Amino acid sequence: MILVNTDYITGKELLTLVLVKGSTIQSKNVARDITQMFKTLVGGELKAYNEMMNDARALATKRMVEEAQTLGADAVVNIRYASSAIMAGAAEVMVYGTAVKFK
């Protein structure tokens, strides 16, 4: 499966199928949340939250790819990510793009 954030794939003619998406809502456990809160007092990277967001993006992407595969897509183009805070320590990540087949 080819994944790109452009609306084309060089050298390929594309047949548009449909919009596909994937999402997840992730949170850290309370102990990690407390340690990250203290980290904000001194500054620096919040590694636990960075890992959480990386995991969330990977899972959302996997779900989008699975949806595209069920449609028989060869690729997903014009991929975009969005995220939002749901509550303290929890975030939603959504990814979407256009499933396409090669002509």
PDB file of N, CA and C in Angstrom:
ATOM      1  N   MET A   1       0.862  -1.180   0.000  1.00  0.00           N
ATOM      2  CA  MET A   1       0.000   0.000   0.000  1.00  0.00           C
ATOM      3  C   MET A   1       0.901   1.234   0.000  1.00  0.00           C
ATOM      4  N   ILE A   2       0.681   2.095  -0.969  1.00  0.00           N
ATOM      5  CA  ILE A   2       1.426   3.349  -1.055  1.00  0.00           C
ATOM      6  C   ILE A   2       0.621   4.429  -0.340  1.00  0.00           C
ATOM      7  N   LEU A   3       1.288   5.189   0.530  1.00  0.00           N
ATOM      8  CA  LEU A   3       0.655   6.276   1.277  1.00  0.00           C
ATOM      9  C   LEU A   3       1.407   7.565   0.976  1.00  0.00           C
ATOM     10  N   VAL A   4       0.711   8.569   0.464  1.00  0.00           N
ATOM     11  CA  VAL A   4       1.353   9.846   0.159  1.00  0.00           C
ATOM     12  C   VAL A   4       0.462  11.009   0.577  1.00  0.00           C
ATOM     13  N   ASN A   5       1.093  12.156   0.822  1.00  0.00           N
ATOM     14  CA  ASN A   5       0.306  13.340   1.170  1.00  0.00           C
ATOM     15  C   ASN A   5       0.086  14.257  -0.030  1.00  0.00           C
ATOM     16  N   THR A   6       0.427  13.782  -1.219  1.00  0.00           N
ATOM     17  CA  THR A   6       0.146  14.510  -2.454  1.00  0.00           C
ATOM     18  C   THR A   6      -1.111  13.936  -3.087  1.00  0.00           C
ATOM     19  N   ASP A   7      -1.657  14.647  -4.079  1.00  0.00           N
ATOM     20  CA  ASP A   7      -2.860  14.142  -4.737  1.00  0.00           C
ATOM     21  C   ASP A   7      -2.527  13.359  -5.997  1.00  0.00           C
ATOM     22  N   TYR A   8      -1.270  12.956  -6.141  1.00  0.00           N
ATOM     23  CA  TYR A   8      -0.828  12.173  -7.293  1.00  0.00           C
ATOM     24  C   TYR A   8       0.304  11.238  -6.859  1.00  0.00           C
ATOM     25  N   ILE A   9       0.570  10.245  -7.712  1.00  0.00           N
ATOM     26  CA  ILE A   9       1.735   9.384  -7.552  1.00  0.00           C
ATOM     27  C   ILE A   9       2.429   9.398  -8.903  1.00  0.00           C
ATOM     28  N   THR A  10       3.651   9.876  -8.933  1.00  0.00           N
ATOM     29  CA  THR A  10       4.381  10.041 -10.179  1.00  0.00           C
ATOM     30  C   THR A  10       4.393   8.742 -10.985  1.00  0.00           C
ATOM     31  N   GLY A  11       4.007   8.861 -12.248  1.00  0.00           N
ATOM     32  CA  GLY A  11       4.031   7.719 -13.152  1.00  0.00           C
ATOM     33  C   GLY A  11       2.813   6.821 -13.081  1.00  0.00           C
ATOM     34  N   LYS A  12       1.828   7.160 -12.257  1.00  0.00           N
ATOM     35  CA  LYS A  12       0.634   6.324 -12.097  1.00  0.00           C
ATOM     36  C   LYS A  12      -0.614   7.118 -12.478  1.00  0.00           C
ATOM     37  N   GLU A  13      -1.521   6.458 -13.194  1.00  0.00           N
ATOM     38  CA  GLU A  13      -2.850   7.012 -13.420  1.00  0.00           C
ATOM     39  C   GLU A  13      -3.749   6.464 -12.333  1.00  0.00           C
ATOM     40  N   LEU A  14      -4.513   7.344 -11.705  1.00  0.00           N
ATOM     41  CA  LEU A  14      -5.286   6.949 -10.534  1.00  0.00           C
ATOM     42  C   LEU A  14      -6.778   6.965 -10.808  1.00  0.00           C
ATOM     43  N   LEU A  15      -7.450   5.962 -10.281  1.00  0.00           N
ATOM     44  CA  LEU A  15      -8.908   5.906 -10.285  1.00  0.00           C
ATOM     45  C   LEU A  15      -9.356   6.125  -8.843  1.00  0.00           C
ATOM     46  N   THR A  16     -10.056   7.229  -8.593  1.00  0.00           N
ATOM     47  CA  THR A  16     -10.496   7.571  -7.245  1.00  0.00           C
ATOM     48  C   THR A  16     -11.590   6.623  -6.784  1.00  0.00           C
ATOM     49  N   LEU A  17     -11.434   6.104  -5.568  1.00  0.00           N
ATOM     50  CA  LEU A  17     -12.453   5.227  -4.987  1.00  0.00           C
ATOM     51  C   LEU A  17     -13.330   6.006  -4.010  1.00  0.00           C
ATOM     52  N   VAL A  18     -12.797   6.290  -2.829  1.00  0.00           N
ATOM     53  CA  VAL A  18     -13.607   6.918  -1.780  1.00  0.00           C
ATOM     54  C   VAL A  18     -12.684   7.435  -0.677  1.00  0.00           C
ATOM     55  N   LEU A  19     -13.222   8.308   0.160  1.00  0.00           N
ATOM     56  CA  LEU A  19     -12.500   8.780   1.337  1.00  0.00           C
ATOM     57  C   LEU A  19     -12.368   7.639   2.337  1.00  0.00           C
ATOM     58  N   VAL A  20     -11.174   7.457   2.880  1.00  0.00           N
ATOM     59  CA  VAL A  20     -10.964   6.463   3.938  1.00  0.00           C
ATOM     60  C   VAL A  20     -10.380   7.186   5.142  1.00  0.00           C
ATOM     61  N   LYS A  21     -10.628   6.629   6.329  1.00  0.00           N
ATOM     62  CA  LYS A  21     -10.148   7.282   7.539  1.00  0.00           C
ATOM     63  C   LYS A  21      -9.840   6.267   8.619  1.00  0.00           C
ATOM     64  N   GLY A  22      -9.109   6.723   9.590  1.00  0.00           N
ATOM     65  CA  GLY A  22      -8.820   5.929  10.777  1.00  0.00           C
ATOM     66  C   GLY A  22      -8.695   6.885  11.947  1.00  0.00           C
ATOM     67  N   SER A  23      -9.050   6.422  13.130  1.00  0.00           N
ATOM     68  CA  SER A  23      -8.930   7.289  14.303  1.00  0.00           C
ATOM     69  C   SER A  23      -8.728   6.453  15.554  1.00  0.00           C
ATOM     70  N   THR A  24      -8.276   7.119  16.584  1.00  0.00           N
ATOM     71  CA  THR A  24      -8.129   6.500  17.894  1.00  0.00           C
ATOM     72  C   THR A  24      -8.121   7.597  18.945  1.00  0.00           C
ATOM     73  N   ILE A  25      -8.484   7.232  20.146  1.00  0.00           N
ATOM     74  CA  ILE A  25      -8.363   8.129  21.295  1.00  0.00           C
ATOM     75  C   ILE A  25      -7.447   7.424  22.281  1.00  0.00           C
ATOM     76  N   GLN A  26      -6.388   8.109  22.673  1.00  0.00           N
ATOM     77  CA  GLN A  26      -5.377   7.508  23.541  1.00  0.00           C
ATOM     78  C   GLN A  26      -5.199   8.357  24.795  1.00  0.00           C
ATOM     79  N   SER A  27      -4.792   7.698  25.865  1.00  0.00           N
ATOM     80  CA  SER A  27      -4.464   8.420  27.097  1.00  0.00           C
ATOM     81  C   SER A  27      -3.297   7.719  27.775  1.00  0.00           C
ATOM     82  N   LYS A  28      -2.653   8.433  28.663  1.00  0.00           N
ATOM     83  CA  LYS A  28      -1.581   7.868  29.475  1.00  0.00           C
ATOM     84  C   LYS A  28      -2.138   7.514  30.841  1.00  0.00           C
ATOM     85  N   ASN A  29      -1.470   6.596  31.533  1.00  0.00           N
ATOM     86  CA  ASN A  29      -1.951   6.246  32.866  1.00  0.00           C
ATOM     87  C   ASN A  29      -1.679   7.389  33.848  1.00  0.00           C
ATOM     88  N   VAL A  30      -2.321   7.350  34.973  1.00  0.00           N
ATOM     89  CA  VAL A  30      -2.261   8.442  35.951  1.00  0.00           C
ATOM     90  C   VAL A  30      -0.835   8.701  36.419  1.00  0.00           C
ATOM     91  N   ALA A  31      -0.063   7.656  36.687  1.00  0.00           N
ATOM     92  CA  ALA A  31       1.313   7.846  37.164  1.00  0.00           C
ATOM     93  C   ALA A  31       2.139   8.613  36.138  1.00  0.00           C
ATOM     94  N   ARG A  32       2.017   8.242  34.874  1.00  0.00           N
ATOM     95  CA  ARG A  32       2.756   8.953  33.816  1.00  0.00           C
ATOM     96  C   ARG A  32       2.251  10.381  33.686  1.00  0.00           C
ATOM     97  N   ASP A  33       0.953  10.568  33.822  1.00  0.00           N
ATOM     98  CA  ASP A  33       0.371  11.895  33.705  1.00  0.00           C
ATOM     99  C   ASP A  33       0.944  12.818  34.783  1.00  0.00           C
ATOM    100  N   ILE A  34       1.107  12.309  35.990  1.00  0.00           N
ATOM    101  CA  ILE A  34       1.653  13.116  37.088  1.00  0.00           C
ATOM    102  C   ILE A  34       3.105  13.472  36.816  1.00  0.00           C
ATOM    103  N   THR A  35       3.900  12.511  36.346  1.00  0.00           N
ATOM    104  CA  THR A  35       5.314  12.815  36.068  1.00  0.00           C
ATOM    105  C   THR A  35       5.437  13.834  34.942  1.00  0.00           C
ATOM    106  N   GLN A  36       4.568  13.763  33.959  1.00  0.00           N
ATOM    107  CA  GLN A  36       4.610  14.730  32.864  1.00  0.00           C
ATOM    108  C   GLN A  36       4.186  16.114  33.339  1.00  0.00           C
ATOM    109  N   MET A  37       3.270  16.173  34.310  1.00  0.00           N
ATOM    110  CA  MET A  37       2.848  17.448  34.862  1.00  0.00           C
ATOM    111  C   MET A  37       4.034  18.147  35.520  1.00  0.00           C
ATOM    112  N   PHE A  38       4.842  17.385  36.259  1.00  0.00           N
ATOM    113  CA  PHE A  38       6.021  17.974  36.896  1.00  0.00           C
ATOM    114  C   PHE A  38       7.037  18.424  35.854  1.00  0.00           C
ATOM    115  N   LYS A  39       7.128  17.709  34.748  1.00  0.00           N
ATOM    116  CA  LYS A  39       8.062  18.064  33.684  1.00  0.00           C
ATOM    117  C   LYS A  39       7.723  19.431  33.098  1.00  0.00           C
ATOM    118  N   THR A  40       6.444  19.786  33.084  1.00  0.00           N
ATOM    119  CA  THR A  40       6.059  21.083  32.527  1.00  0.00           C
ATOM    120  C   THR A  40       6.584  22.238  33.386  1.00  0.00           C
ATOM    121  N   LEU A  41       6.900  21.966  34.646  1.00  0.00           N
ATOM    122  CA  LEU A  41       7.432  23.010  35.518  1.00  0.00           C
ATOM    123  C   LEU A  41       8.860  23.397  35.152  1.00  0.00           C
ATOM    124  N   VAL A  42       9.639  22.436  34.671  1.00  0.00           N
ATOM    125  CA  VAL A  42      11.038  22.707  34.341  1.00  0.00           C
ATOM    126  C   VAL A  42      11.273  22.832  32.843  1.00  0.00           C
ATOM    127  N   GLY A  43      10.323  22.438  32.046  1.00  0.00           N
ATOM    128  CA  GLY A  43      10.451  22.542  30.592  1.00  0.00           C
ATOM    129  C   GLY A  43      11.102  21.317  29.982  1.00  0.00           C
ATOM    130  N   GLY A  44      11.056  21.244  28.684  1.00  0.00           N
ATOM    131  CA  GLY A  44      11.649  20.138  27.957  1.00  0.00           C
ATOM    132  C   GLY A  44      10.595  19.276  27.291  1.00  0.00           C
ATOM    133  N   GLU A  45      11.065  18.276  26.587  1.00  0.00           N
ATOM    134  CA  GLU A  45      10.171  17.381  25.848  1.00  0.00           C
ATOM    135  C   GLU A  45       9.381  16.482  26.798  1.00  0.00           C
ATOM    136  N   LEU A  46       8.102  16.348  26.523  1.00  0.00           N
ATOM    137  CA  LEU A  46       7.247  15.449  27.294  1.00  0.00           C
ATOM    138  C   LEU A  46       7.246  14.099  26.575  1.00  0.00           C
ATOM    139  N   LYS A  47       8.240  13.299  26.864  1.00  0.00           N
ATOM    140  CA  LYS A  47       8.471  12.063  26.106  1.00  0.00           C
ATOM    141  C   LYS A  47       7.303  11.088  26.181  1.00  0.00           C
ATOM    142  N   ALA A  48       6.676  10.971  27.330  1.00  0.00           N
ATOM    143  CA  ALA A  48       5.553  10.036  27.449  1.00  0.00           C
ATOM    144  C   ALA A  48       4.405  10.444  26.536  1.00  0.00           C
ATOM    145  N   TYR A  49       4.149  11.751  26.425  1.00  0.00           N
ATOM    146  CA  TYR A  49       3.079  12.221  25.537  1.00  0.00           C
ATOM    147  C   TYR A  49       3.499  12.108  24.079  1.00  0.00           C
ATOM    148  N   ASN A  50       4.772  12.329  23.812  1.00  0.00           N
ATOM    149  CA  ASN A  50       5.279  12.161  22.455  1.00  0.00           C
ATOM    150  C   ASN A  50       5.091  10.714  21.999  1.00  0.00           C
ATOM    151  N   GLU A  51       5.429   9.773  22.869  1.00  0.00           N
ATOM    152  CA  GLU A  51       5.224   8.348  22.564  1.00  0.00           C
ATOM    153  C   GLU A  51       3.744   8.039  22.370  1.00  0.00           C
ATOM    154  N   MET A  52       2.896   8.626  23.219  1.00  0.00           N
ATOM    155  CA  MET A  52       1.462   8.396  23.105  1.00  0.00           C
ATOM    156  C   MET A  52       0.954   8.869  21.742  1.00  0.00           C
ATOM    157  N   MET A  53       1.377  10.043  21.311  1.00  0.00           N
ATOM    158  CA  MET A  53       0.916  10.577  20.035  1.00  0.00           C
ATOM    159  C   MET A  53       1.477   9.773  18.864  1.00  0.00           C
ATOM    160  N   ASN A  54       2.716   9.329  18.953  1.00  0.00           N
ATOM    161  CA  ASN A  54       3.285   8.469  17.903  1.00  0.00           C
ATOM    162  C   ASN A  54       2.499   7.168  17.787  1.00  0.00           C
ATOM    163  N   ASP A  55       2.183   6.566  18.931  1.00  0.00           N
ATOM    164  CA  ASP A  55       1.394   5.331  18.932  1.00  0.00           C
ATOM    165  C   ASP A  55       0.000   5.569  18.351  1.00  0.00           C
ATOM    166  N   ALA A  56      -0.601   6.696  18.722  1.00  0.00           N
ATOM    167  CA  ALA A  56      -1.940   7.020  18.228  1.00  0.00           C
ATOM    168  C   ALA A  56      -1.928   7.229  16.715  1.00  0.00           C
ATOM    169  N   ARG A  57      -0.928   7.943  16.191  1.00  0.00           N
ATOM    170  CA  ARG A  57      -0.832   8.146  14.738  1.00  0.00           C
ATOM    171  C   ARG A  57      -0.649   6.826  14.015  1.00  0.00           C
ATOM    172  N   ALA A  58       0.203   5.961  14.563  1.00  0.00           N
ATOM    173  CA  ALA A  58       0.442   4.661  13.939  1.00  0.00           C
ATOM    174  C   ALA A  58      -0.828   3.818  13.909  1.00  0.00           C
ATOM    175  N   LEU A  59      -1.570   3.796  14.997  1.00  0.00           N
ATOM    176  CA  LEU A  59      -2.805   3.014  15.064  1.00  0.00           C
ATOM    177  C   LEU A  59      -3.871   3.582  14.127  1.00  0.00           C
ATOM    178  N   ALA A  60      -4.023   4.903  14.109  1.00  0.00           N
ATOM    179  CA  ALA A  60      -5.000   5.526  13.212  1.00  0.00           C
ATOM    180  C   ALA A  60      -4.646   5.239  11.751  1.00  0.00           C
ATOM    181  N   THR A  61      -3.366   5.311  11.417  1.00  0.00           N
ATOM    182  CA  THR A  61      -2.920   5.026  10.043  1.00  0.00           C
ATOM    183  C   THR A  61      -3.203   3.579   9.687  1.00  0.00           C
ATOM    184  N   LYS A  62      -2.930   2.664  10.609  1.00  0.00           N
ATOM    185  CA  LYS A  62      -3.192   1.243  10.375  1.00  0.00           C
ATOM    186  C   LYS A  62      -4.673   1.023  10.077  1.00  0.00           C
ATOM    187  N   ARG A  63      -5.539   1.665  10.833  1.00  0.00           N
ATOM    188  CA  ARG A  63      -6.983   1.513  10.622  1.00  0.00           C
ATOM    189  C   ARG A  63      -7.421   2.081   9.270  1.00  0.00           C
ATOM    190  N   MET A  64      -6.814   3.201   8.860  1.00  0.00           N
ATOM    191  CA  MET A  64      -7.133   3.768   7.551  1.00  0.00           C
ATOM    192  C   MET A  64      -6.691   2.826   6.435  1.00  0.00           C
ATOM    193  N   VAL A  65      -5.491   2.279   6.558  1.00  0.00           N
ATOM    194  CA  VAL A  65      -4.967   1.347   5.551  1.00  0.00           C
ATOM    195  C   VAL A  65      -5.854   0.107   5.466  1.00  0.00           C
ATOM    196  N   GLU A  66      -6.285  -0.417   6.598  1.00  0.00           N
ATOM    197  CA  GLU A  66      -7.172  -1.588   6.594  1.00  0.00           C
ATOM    198  C   GLU A  66      -8.466  -1.291   5.849  1.00  0.00           C
ATOM    199  N   GLU A  67      -9.028  -0.095   6.058  1.00  0.00           N
ATOM    200  CA  GLU A  67     -10.249   0.285   5.354  1.00  0.00           C
ATOM    201  C   GLU A  67      -9.992   0.364   3.855  1.00  0.00           C
ATOM    202  N   ALA A  68      -8.858   0.934   3.464  1.00  0.00           N
ATOM    203  CA  ALA A  68      -8.508   1.039   2.046  1.00  0.00           C
ATOM    204  C   ALA A  68      -8.305  -0.345   1.427  1.00  0.00           C
ATOM    205  N   GLN A  69      -7.671  -1.243   2.165  1.00  0.00           N
ATOM    206  CA  GLN A  69      -7.436  -2.595   1.652  1.00  0.00           C
ATOM    207  C   GLN A  69      -8.745  -3.344   1.426  1.00  0.00           C
ATOM    208  N   THR A  70      -9.726  -3.139   2.293  1.00  0.00           N
ATOM    209  CA  THR A  70     -11.012  -3.829   2.096  1.00  0.00           C
ATOM    210  C   THR A  70     -11.709  -3.358   0.820  1.00  0.00           C
ATOM    211  N   LEU A  71     -11.356  -2.158   0.349  1.00  0.00           N
ATOM    212  CA  LEU A  71     -11.915  -1.627  -0.895  1.00  0.00           C
ATOM    213  C   LEU A  71     -11.098  -2.037  -2.120  1.00  0.00           C
ATOM    214  N   GLY A  72      -9.985  -2.731  -1.896  1.00  0.00           N
ATOM    215  CA  GLY A  72      -9.116  -3.130  -2.994  1.00  0.00           C
ATOM    216  C   GLY A  72      -8.228  -2.008  -3.500  1.00  0.00           C
ATOM    217  N   ALA A  73      -7.987  -1.002  -2.677  1.00  0.00           N
ATOM    218  CA  ALA A  73      -7.168   0.143  -3.077  1.00  0.00           C
ATOM    219  C   ALA A  73      -5.705  -0.255  -3.212  1.00  0.00           C
ATOM    220  N   ASP A  74      -5.020   0.429  -4.113  1.00  0.00           N
ATOM    221  CA  ASP A  74      -3.575   0.254  -4.281  1.00  0.00           C
ATOM    222  C   ASP A  74      -2.799   1.290  -3.479  1.00  0.00           C
ATOM    223  N   ALA A  75      -3.454   2.407  -3.170  1.00  0.00           N
ATOM    224  CA  ALA A  75      -2.781   3.502  -2.479  1.00  0.00           C
ATOM    225  C   ALA A  75      -3.808   4.400  -1.804  1.00  0.00           C
ATOM    226  N   VAL A  76      -3.300   5.248  -0.922  1.00  0.00           N
ATOM    227  CA  VAL A  76      -4.102   6.319  -0.344  1.00  0.00           C
ATOM    228  C   VAL A  76      -3.335   7.611  -0.593  1.00  0.00           C
ATOM    229  N   VAL A  77      -3.996   8.565  -1.240  1.00  0.00           N
ATOM    230  CA  VAL A  77      -3.353   9.839  -1.564  1.00  0.00           C
ATOM    231  C   VAL A  77      -3.973  10.969  -0.751  1.00  0.00           C
ATOM    232  N   ASN A  78      -3.253  12.097  -0.750  1.00  0.00           N
ATOM    233  CA  ASN A  78      -3.733  13.307  -0.087  1.00  0.00           C
ATOM    234  C   ASN A  78      -4.038  13.066   1.397  1.00  0.00           C
ATOM    235  N   ILE A  79      -3.145  12.352   2.064  1.00  0.00           N
ATOM    236  CA  ILE A  79      -3.338  11.999   3.480  1.00  0.00           C
ATOM    237  C   ILE A  79      -3.145  13.218   4.370  1.00  0.00           C
ATOM    238  N   ARG A  80      -4.040  13.349   5.330  1.00  0.00           N
ATOM    239  CA  ARG A  80      -3.981  14.434   6.306  1.00  0.00           C
ATOM    240  C   ARG A  80      -4.228  13.872   7.706  1.00  0.00           C
ATOM    241  N   TYR A  81      -3.555  14.489   8.685  1.00  0.00           N
ATOM    242  CA  TYR A  81      -3.732  14.118  10.093  1.00  0.00           C
ATOM    243  C   TYR A  81      -4.356  15.289  10.852  1.00  0.00           C
ATOM    244  N   ALA A  82      -5.157  14.967  11.841  1.00  0.00           N
ATOM    245  CA  ALA A  82      -5.719  15.973  12.737  1.00  0.00           C
ATOM    246  C   ALA A  82      -5.722  15.397  14.142  1.00  0.00           C
ATOM    247  N   SER A  83      -5.576  16.264  15.120  1.00  0.00           N
ATOM    248  CA  SER A  83      -5.644  15.796  16.505  1.00  0.00           C
ATOM    249  C   SER A  83      -6.367  16.830  17.347  1.00  0.00           C
ATOM    250  N   SER A  84      -6.916  16.356  18.440  1.00  0.00           N
ATOM    251  CA  SER A  84      -7.588  17.259  19.372  1.00  0.00           C
ATOM    252  C   SER A  84      -7.553  16.662  20.762  1.00  0.00           C
ATOM    253  N   ALA A  85      -7.540  17.543  21.743  1.00  0.00           N
ATOM    254  CA  ALA A  85      -7.586  17.099  23.136  1.00  0.00           C
ATOM    255  C   ALA A  85      -9.029  16.736  23.473  1.00  0.00           C
ATOM    256  N   ILE A  86      -9.206  15.585  24.080  1.00  0.00           N
ATOM    257  CA  ILE A  86     -10.530  15.139  24.497  1.00  0.00           C
ATOM    258  C   ILE A  86     -10.763  15.527  25.952  1.00  0.00           C
ATOM    259  N   MET A  87      -9.729  15.327  26.762  1.00  0.00           N
ATOM    260  CA  MET A  87      -9.731  15.702  28.173  1.00  0.00           C
ATOM    261  C   MET A  87      -8.279  15.769  28.598  1.00  0.00           C
ATOM    262  N   ALA A  88      -7.989  16.141  29.809  1.00  0.00           N
ATOM    263  CA  ALA A  88      -6.605  16.214  30.277  1.00  0.00           C
ATOM    264  C   ALA A  88      -5.933  14.846  30.123  1.00  0.00           C
ATOM    265  N   GLY A  89      -4.843  14.800  29.376  1.00  0.00           N
ATOM    266  CA  GLY A  89      -4.102  13.555  29.221  1.00  0.00           C
ATOM    267  C   GLY A  89      -4.636  12.606  28.173  1.00  0.00           C
ATOM    268  N   ALA A  90      -5.653  13.018  27.412  1.00  0.00           N
ATOM    269  CA  ALA A  90      -6.206  12.151  26.366  1.00  0.00           C
ATOM    270  C   ALA A  90      -6.364  12.952  25.079  1.00  0.00           C
ATOM    271  N   ALA A  91      -6.035  12.311  23.966  1.00  0.00           N
ATOM    272  CA  ALA A  91      -6.116  12.987  22.679  1.00  0.00           C
ATOM    273  C   ALA A  91      -6.689  12.055  21.628  1.00  0.00           C
ATOM    274  N   GLU A  92      -7.418  12.652  20.694  1.00  0.00           N
ATOM    275  CA  GLU A  92      -7.905  11.913  19.537  1.00  0.00           C
ATOM    276  C   GLU A  92      -6.995  12.239  18.364  1.00  0.00           C
ATOM    277  N   VAL A  93      -6.645  11.221  17.608  1.00  0.00           N
ATOM    278  CA  VAL A  93      -5.901  11.407  16.367  1.00  0.00           C
ATOM    279  C   VAL A  93      -6.738  10.819  15.250  1.00  0.00           C
ATOM    280  N   MET A  94      -6.905  11.595  14.185  1.00  0.00           N
ATOM    281  CA  MET A  94      -7.644  11.133  13.015  1.00  0.00           C
ATOM    282  C   MET A  94      -6.755  11.310  11.795  1.00  0.00           C
ATOM    283  N   VAL A  95      -6.802  10.339  10.909  1.00  0.00           N
ATOM    284  CA  VAL A  95      -6.101  10.424   9.629  1.00  0.00           C
ATOM    285  C   VAL A  95      -7.105  10.095   8.539  1.00  0.00           C
ATOM    286  N   TYR A  96      -7.006  10.800   7.417  1.00  0.00           N
ATOM    287  CA  TYR A  96      -7.921  10.545   6.318  1.00  0.00           C
ATOM    288  C   TYR A  96      -7.222  10.814   4.993  1.00  0.00           C
ATOM    289  N   GLY A  97      -7.715  10.190   3.956  1.00  0.00           N
ATOM    290  CA  GLY A  97      -7.166  10.375   2.623  1.00  0.00           C
ATOM    291  C   GLY A  97      -8.104   9.754   1.606  1.00  0.00           C
ATOM    292  N   THR A  98      -7.684   9.789   0.356  1.00  0.00           N
ATOM    293  CA  THR A  98      -8.485   9.251  -0.730  1.00  0.00           C
ATOM    294  C   THR A  98      -7.908   7.926  -1.183  1.00  0.00           C
ATOM    295  N   ALA A  99      -8.720   6.868  -1.098  1.00  0.00           N
ATOM    296  CA  ALA A  99      -8.293   5.552  -1.580  1.00  0.00           C
ATOM    297  C   ALA A  99      -8.361   5.562  -3.108  1.00  0.00           C
ATOM    298  N   VAL A 100      -7.329   5.010  -3.750  1.00  0.00           N
ATOM    299  CA  VAL A 100      -7.266   4.986  -5.201  1.00  0.00           C
ATOM    300  C   VAL A 100      -6.784   3.617  -5.690  1.00  0.00           C
ATOM    301  N   LYS A 101      -7.143   3.321  -6.931  1.00  0.00           N
ATOM    302  CA  LYS A 101      -6.618   2.147  -7.633  1.00  0.00           C
ATOM    303  C   LYS A 101      -5.808   2.664  -8.801  1.00  0.00           C
ATOM    304  N   PHE A 102      -4.810   1.872  -9.209  1.00  0.00           N
ATOM    305  CA  PHE A 102      -4.021   2.224 -10.381  1.00  0.00           C
ATOM    306  C   PHE A 102      -4.771   1.787 -11.632  1.00  0.00           C
ATOM    307  N   LYS A 103      -4.790   2.647 -12.658  1.00  0.00           N
ATOM    308  CA  LYS A 103      -5.438   2.302 -13.929  1.00  0.00           C
ATOM    309  C   LYS A 103      -4.523   1.385 -14.719  1.00  0.00           C
TER     310      LYS A 103
END
